Amino acid sequence: MELTLMPVTFWYSRIVFSVLEFWNNLGYEIAGDQYIAGSGFARDDLGFHNFVADGVVFRPGHCPAKNSTVHDPADLCAVVQAVHGESQVGEAIDKLRIYAMLGIPTYWIVRGDQDSDDLDGFISMYELVGTDYKLTGSRRVSQLPQPEQLSIERVAAAVERLGRPRV
């Protein structure tokens, strides 16, 4: 049996790229459409069906192998999930529980408005507190600071929370 992936919509591709670009501008390694190791086992599965994250942000100092597609949650500081339609919201919420169990510090769910031509998205920002995620903020993707808008204090706070990015 051959596994075939359907192409993603323009909105999905653009919104994931925009959010990952924000993290990359802070100095973190990023990747799109990557498997999260152990997520199949965490779902009471046999481990064969790992979740695919729309975007991942790697911990400071970690640069994955060139041909890698499956990543240890310990190597991640954030996961991004884009949803465009009600059918995908349930999957994003399921992933919230699993990623918390795996100890991934930050999880962002980006929602799009299916009835609008707008290419923006709304981010719900979750941080791991103990063993559960806590909603710590929200904003539109277009409101994420651009590199020239990032203050030293803001970057220092991110470094304090997530660790020092690559140089």
C-alpha atoms as a PDB file:
ATOM      1  CA  MET A   1       0.000   0.000   0.000  1.00  0.00           C
ATOM      2  CA  GLU A   2       1.331   3.424  -0.917  1.00  0.00           C
ATOM      3  CA  LEU A   3       0.697   6.333   1.412  1.00  0.00           C
ATOM      4  CA  THR A   4      -0.315   9.462  -0.458  1.00  0.00           C
ATOM      5  CA  LEU A   5      -0.524  12.877   1.155  1.00  0.00           C
ATOM      6  CA  MET A   6      -2.914  15.480  -0.156  1.00  0.00           C
ATOM      7  CA  PRO A   7      -1.503  18.959  -0.744  1.00  0.00           C
ATOM      8  CA  VAL A   8      -2.382  21.515   1.905  1.00  0.00           C
ATOM      9  CA  THR A   9      -4.309  24.709   1.203  1.00  0.00           C
ATOM     10  CA  PHE A  10      -2.592  28.003   0.537  1.00  0.00           C
ATOM     11  CA  TRP A  11      -3.850  29.356   3.887  1.00  0.00           C
ATOM     12  CA  TYR A  12      -2.467  26.393   5.800  1.00  0.00           C
ATOM     13  CA  SER A  13       0.931  26.571   4.126  1.00  0.00           C
ATOM     14  CA  ARG A  14       1.237  30.309   4.569  1.00  0.00           C
ATOM     15  CA  ILE A  15       0.055  30.419   8.182  1.00  0.00           C
ATOM     16  CA  VAL A  16       2.379  27.626   9.347  1.00  0.00           C
ATOM     17  CA  PHE A  17       5.276  29.268   7.506  1.00  0.00           C
ATOM     18  CA  SER A  18       4.494  32.651   9.115  1.00  0.00           C
ATOM     19  CA  VAL A  19       4.445  31.241  12.643  1.00  0.00           C
ATOM     20  CA  LEU A  20       7.601  29.178  12.117  1.00  0.00           C
ATOM     21  CA  GLU A  21       9.330  32.211  10.622  1.00  0.00           C
ATOM     22  CA  PHE A  22       8.614  34.105  13.863  1.00  0.00           C
ATOM     23  CA  TRP A  23      10.431  31.408  15.850  1.00  0.00           C
ATOM     24  CA  ASN A  24      13.255  31.229  13.314  1.00  0.00           C
ATOM     25  CA  ASN A  25      13.734  35.006  13.611  1.00  0.00           C
ATOM     26  CA  LEU A  26      14.305  34.449  17.334  1.00  0.00           C
ATOM     27  CA  GLY A  27      17.142  32.080  16.390  1.00  0.00           C
ATOM     28  CA  TYR A  28      15.490  28.667  16.752  1.00  0.00           C
ATOM     29  CA  GLU A  29      15.718  25.794  14.269  1.00  0.00           C
ATOM     30  CA  ILE A  30      12.292  24.981  12.815  1.00  0.00           C
ATOM     31  CA  ALA A  31      10.640  22.407  10.554  1.00  0.00           C
ATOM     32  CA  GLY A  32       7.195  21.754   9.113  1.00  0.00           C
ATOM     33  CA  ASP A  33       5.210  18.503   8.931  1.00  0.00           C
ATOM     34  CA  GLN A  34       7.291  16.382  11.302  1.00  0.00           C
ATOM     35  CA  TYR A  35       6.461  13.253  13.326  1.00  0.00           C
ATOM     36  CA  ILE A  36       6.499  13.451  17.125  1.00  0.00           C
ATOM     37  CA  ALA A  37       8.145  10.294  18.495  1.00  0.00           C
ATOM     38  CA  GLY A  38       6.173   8.474  21.164  1.00  0.00           C
ATOM     39  CA  SER A  39       2.867  10.148  20.379  1.00  0.00           C
ATOM     40  CA  GLY A  40       1.468   6.852  19.052  1.00  0.00           C
ATOM     41  CA  PHE A  41       2.247   5.086  22.333  1.00  0.00           C
ATOM     42  CA  ALA A  42       0.829   8.005  24.313  1.00  0.00           C
ATOM     43  CA  ARG A  43      -2.507   7.526  22.527  1.00  0.00           C
ATOM     44  CA  ASP A  44      -2.764   3.935  23.815  1.00  0.00           C
ATOM     45  CA  ASP A  45      -1.664   2.832  20.380  1.00  0.00           C
ATOM     46  CA  LEU A  46       1.040   0.368  19.434  1.00  0.00           C
ATOM     47  CA  GLY A  47       3.282   3.284  18.565  1.00  0.00           C
ATOM     48  CA  PHE A  48       2.804   2.977  14.822  1.00  0.00           C
ATOM     49  CA  HIS A  49       0.661   6.074  14.412  1.00  0.00           C
ATOM     50  CA  ASN A  50       2.690   9.035  15.634  1.00  0.00           C
ATOM     51  CA  PHE A  51       1.161  12.475  15.268  1.00  0.00           C
ATOM     52  CA  VAL A  52       2.425  14.739  12.518  1.00  0.00           C
ATOM     53  CA  ALA A  53       2.983  18.253  13.825  1.00  0.00           C
ATOM     54  CA  ASP A  54       2.308  21.059  11.366  1.00  0.00           C
ATOM     55  CA  GLY A  55       5.366  22.843  12.722  1.00  0.00           C
ATOM     56  CA  VAL A  56       8.050  22.155  15.299  1.00  0.00           C
ATOM     57  CA  VAL A  57      10.548  24.421  17.042  1.00  0.00           C
ATOM     58  CA  PHE A  58      13.690  22.734  18.307  1.00  0.00           C
ATOM     59  CA  ARG A  59      15.307  23.337  21.671  1.00  0.00           C
ATOM     60  CA  PRO A  60      18.315  25.643  21.694  1.00  0.00           C
ATOM     61  CA  GLY A  61      21.425  23.975  20.360  1.00  0.00           C
ATOM     62  CA  HIS A  62      19.569  21.101  18.715  1.00  0.00           C
ATOM     63  CA  CYS A  63      19.932  20.814  14.971  1.00  0.00           C
ATOM     64  CA  PRO A  64      18.224  17.680  13.638  1.00  0.00           C
ATOM     65  CA  ALA A  65      19.840  15.394  11.108  1.00  0.00           C
ATOM     66  CA  LYS A  66      19.266  16.471   7.524  1.00  0.00           C
ATOM     67  CA  ASN A  67      17.056  13.487   6.648  1.00  0.00           C
ATOM     68  CA  SER A  68      15.195  13.187   9.958  1.00  0.00           C
ATOM     69  CA  THR A  69      11.393  13.206  10.061  1.00  0.00           C
ATOM     70  CA  VAL A  70      10.705  11.803  13.557  1.00  0.00           C
ATOM     71  CA  HIS A  71      11.751  13.838  16.578  1.00  0.00           C
ATOM     72  CA  ASP A  72      12.079  13.112  20.273  1.00  0.00           C
ATOM     73  CA  PRO A  73       9.803  15.429  22.292  1.00  0.00           C
ATOM     74  CA  ALA A  74      12.827  16.220  24.488  1.00  0.00           C
ATOM     75  CA  ASP A  75      14.369  17.983  21.465  1.00  0.00           C
ATOM     76  CA  LEU A  76      11.364  20.294  20.998  1.00  0.00           C
ATOM     77  CA  CYS A  77      10.480  23.548  22.722  1.00  0.00           C
ATOM     78  CA  ALA A  78       7.276  24.216  20.762  1.00  0.00           C
ATOM     79  CA  VAL A  79       4.752  22.607  18.433  1.00  0.00           C
ATOM     80  CA  VAL A  80       2.423  24.484  16.076  1.00  0.00           C
ATOM     81  CA  GLN A  81      -0.929  23.099  14.874  1.00  0.00           C
ATOM     82  CA  ALA A  82      -2.994  24.893  12.222  1.00  0.00           C
ATOM     83  CA  VAL A  83      -6.732  24.203  12.013  1.00  0.00           C
ATOM     84  CA  HIS A  84      -9.038  25.498   9.331  1.00  0.00           C
ATOM     85  CA  GLY A  85     -12.480  24.133   9.998  1.00  0.00           C
ATOM     86  CA  GLU A  86     -14.331  22.533  12.881  1.00  0.00           C
ATOM     87  CA  SER A  87     -13.348  18.991  11.904  1.00  0.00           C
ATOM     88  CA  GLN A  88      -9.713  19.761  12.718  1.00  0.00           C
ATOM     89  CA  VAL A  89     -10.333  21.379  16.110  1.00  0.00           C
ATOM     90  CA  GLY A  90     -10.909  18.003  17.801  1.00  0.00           C
ATOM     91  CA  GLU A  91      -7.579  16.713  16.503  1.00  0.00           C
ATOM     92  CA  ALA A  92      -5.786  19.805  17.832  1.00  0.00           C
ATOM     93  CA  ILE A  93      -7.365  19.283  21.272  1.00  0.00           C
ATOM     94  CA  ASP A  94      -6.366  15.582  21.255  1.00  0.00           C
ATOM     95  CA  LYS A  95      -2.818  16.644  20.470  1.00  0.00           C
ATOM     96  CA  LEU A  96      -2.923  19.131  23.354  1.00  0.00           C
ATOM     97  CA  ARG A  97      -3.371  16.276  25.816  1.00  0.00           C
ATOM     98  CA  ILE A  98      -0.746  14.042  24.181  1.00  0.00           C
ATOM     99  CA  TYR A  99       1.902  16.750  23.796  1.00  0.00           C
ATOM    100  CA  ALA A 100       1.431  17.680  27.466  1.00  0.00           C
ATOM    101  CA  MET A 101       1.984  14.020  28.413  1.00  0.00           C
ATOM    102  CA  LEU A 102       5.181  14.072  26.328  1.00  0.00           C
ATOM    103  CA  GLY A 103       6.422  17.217  28.106  1.00  0.00           C
ATOM    104  CA  ILE A 104       6.608  19.627  25.150  1.00  0.00           C
ATOM    105  CA  PRO A 105       6.828  23.086  26.809  1.00  0.00           C
ATOM    106  CA  THR A 106       4.846  25.185  24.300  1.00  0.00           C
ATOM    107  CA  TYR A 107       1.889  24.377  22.034  1.00  0.00           C
ATOM    108  CA  TRP A 108       0.271  26.886  19.697  1.00  0.00           C
ATOM    109  CA  ILE A 109      -3.031  26.177  17.956  1.00  0.00           C
ATOM    110  CA  VAL A 110      -3.674  28.513  15.012  1.00  0.00           C
ATOM    111  CA  ARG A 111      -7.285  28.774  13.850  1.00  0.00           C
ATOM    112  CA  GLY A 112      -8.421  30.116  10.514  1.00  0.00           C
ATOM    113  CA  ASP A 113     -11.815  31.520   9.605  1.00  0.00           C
ATOM    114  CA  GLN A 114     -13.274  29.212   6.971  1.00  0.00           C
ATOM    115  CA  ASP A 115     -15.899  31.766   5.930  1.00  0.00           C
ATOM    116  CA  SER A 116     -13.409  34.569   5.329  1.00  0.00           C
ATOM    117  CA  ASP A 117     -10.937  35.313   2.561  1.00  0.00           C
ATOM    118  CA  ASP A 118      -8.593  36.664   5.236  1.00  0.00           C
ATOM    119  CA  LEU A 119      -5.232  34.863   5.346  1.00  0.00           C
ATOM    120  CA  ASP A 120      -4.632  35.675   9.004  1.00  0.00           C
ATOM    121  CA  GLY A 121      -5.088  33.220  11.854  1.00  0.00           C
ATOM    122  CA  PHE A 122      -5.779  33.380  15.589  1.00  0.00           C
ATOM    123  CA  ILE A 123      -3.202  31.739  17.880  1.00  0.00           C
ATOM    124  CA  SER A 124      -4.119  30.158  21.211  1.00  0.00           C
ATOM    125  CA  MET A 125      -0.815  29.964  23.108  1.00  0.00           C
ATOM    126  CA  TYR A 126      -0.400  27.195  25.665  1.00  0.00           C
ATOM    127  CA  GLU A 127       2.468  26.662  28.107  1.00  0.00           C
ATOM    128  CA  LEU A 128       3.100  23.459  30.038  1.00  0.00           C
ATOM    129  CA  VAL A 129       2.486  23.973  33.748  1.00  0.00           C
ATOM    130  CA  GLY A 130       3.175  20.774  35.651  1.00  0.00           C
ATOM    131  CA  THR A 131       1.582  18.061  33.532  1.00  0.00           C
ATOM    132  CA  ASP A 132      -1.085  20.171  31.805  1.00  0.00           C
ATOM    133  CA  TYR A 133      -1.146  23.039  29.353  1.00  0.00           C
ATOM    134  CA  LYS A 134      -2.375  26.415  30.515  1.00  0.00           C
ATOM    135  CA  LEU A 135      -3.659  29.012  28.044  1.00  0.00           C
ATOM    136  CA  THR A 136      -1.193  31.877  28.497  1.00  0.00           C
ATOM    137  CA  GLY A 137      -2.048  34.178  25.624  1.00  0.00           C
ATOM    138  CA  SER A 138      -3.663  34.693  22.269  1.00  0.00           C
ATOM    139  CA  ARG A 139      -3.161  36.921  19.264  1.00  0.00           C
ATOM    140  CA  ARG A 140      -3.509  37.075  15.518  1.00  0.00           C
ATOM    141  CA  VAL A 141      -0.580  35.778  13.492  1.00  0.00           C
ATOM    142  CA  SER A 142      -0.270  39.233  11.910  1.00  0.00           C
ATOM    143  CA  GLN A 143       0.330  40.634  15.418  1.00  0.00           C
ATOM    144  CA  LEU A 144       3.430  38.523  16.069  1.00  0.00           C
ATOM    145  CA  PRO A 145       6.364  40.911  16.359  1.00  0.00           C
ATOM    146  CA  GLN A 146       8.629  41.266  13.355  1.00  0.00           C
ATOM    147  CA  PRO A 147      12.389  40.970  14.007  1.00  0.00           C
ATOM    148  CA  GLU A 148      12.845  44.738  14.105  1.00  0.00           C
ATOM    149  CA  GLN A 149      10.043  45.003  16.709  1.00  0.00           C
ATOM    150  CA  LEU A 150      11.576  42.544  19.156  1.00  0.00           C
ATOM    151  CA  SER A 151      12.914  44.346  22.186  1.00  0.00           C
ATOM    152  CA  ILE A 152      15.925  43.106  24.113  1.00  0.00           C
ATOM    153  CA  GLU A 153      13.634  42.521  27.103  1.00  0.00           C
ATOM    154  CA  ARG A 154      11.255  40.396  25.055  1.00  0.00           C
ATOM    155  CA  VAL A 155      14.062  38.267  23.600  1.00  0.00           C
ATOM    156  CA  ALA A 156      15.640  37.921  27.063  1.00  0.00           C
ATOM    157  CA  ALA A 157      12.306  36.709  28.464  1.00  0.00           C
ATOM    158  CA  ALA A 158      12.008  34.099  25.690  1.00  0.00           C
ATOM    159  CA  VAL A 159      15.585  32.942  26.303  1.00  0.00           C
ATOM    160  CA  GLU A 160      14.903  32.694  30.029  1.00  0.00           C
ATOM    161  CA  ARG A 161      11.772  30.622  29.433  1.00  0.00           C
ATOM    162  CA  LEU A 162      12.930  28.399  26.554  1.00  0.00           C
ATOM    163  CA  GLY A 163      16.735  28.516  26.633  1.00  0.00           C
ATOM    164  CA  ARG A 164      19.340  30.165  24.455  1.00  0.00           C
ATOM    165  CA  PRO A 165      18.770  29.777  20.679  1.00  0.00           C
ATOM    166  CA  ARG A 166      21.487  29.042  18.144  1.00  0.00           C
ATOM    167  CA  VAL A 167      23.812  31.881  17.235  1.00  0.00           C
END
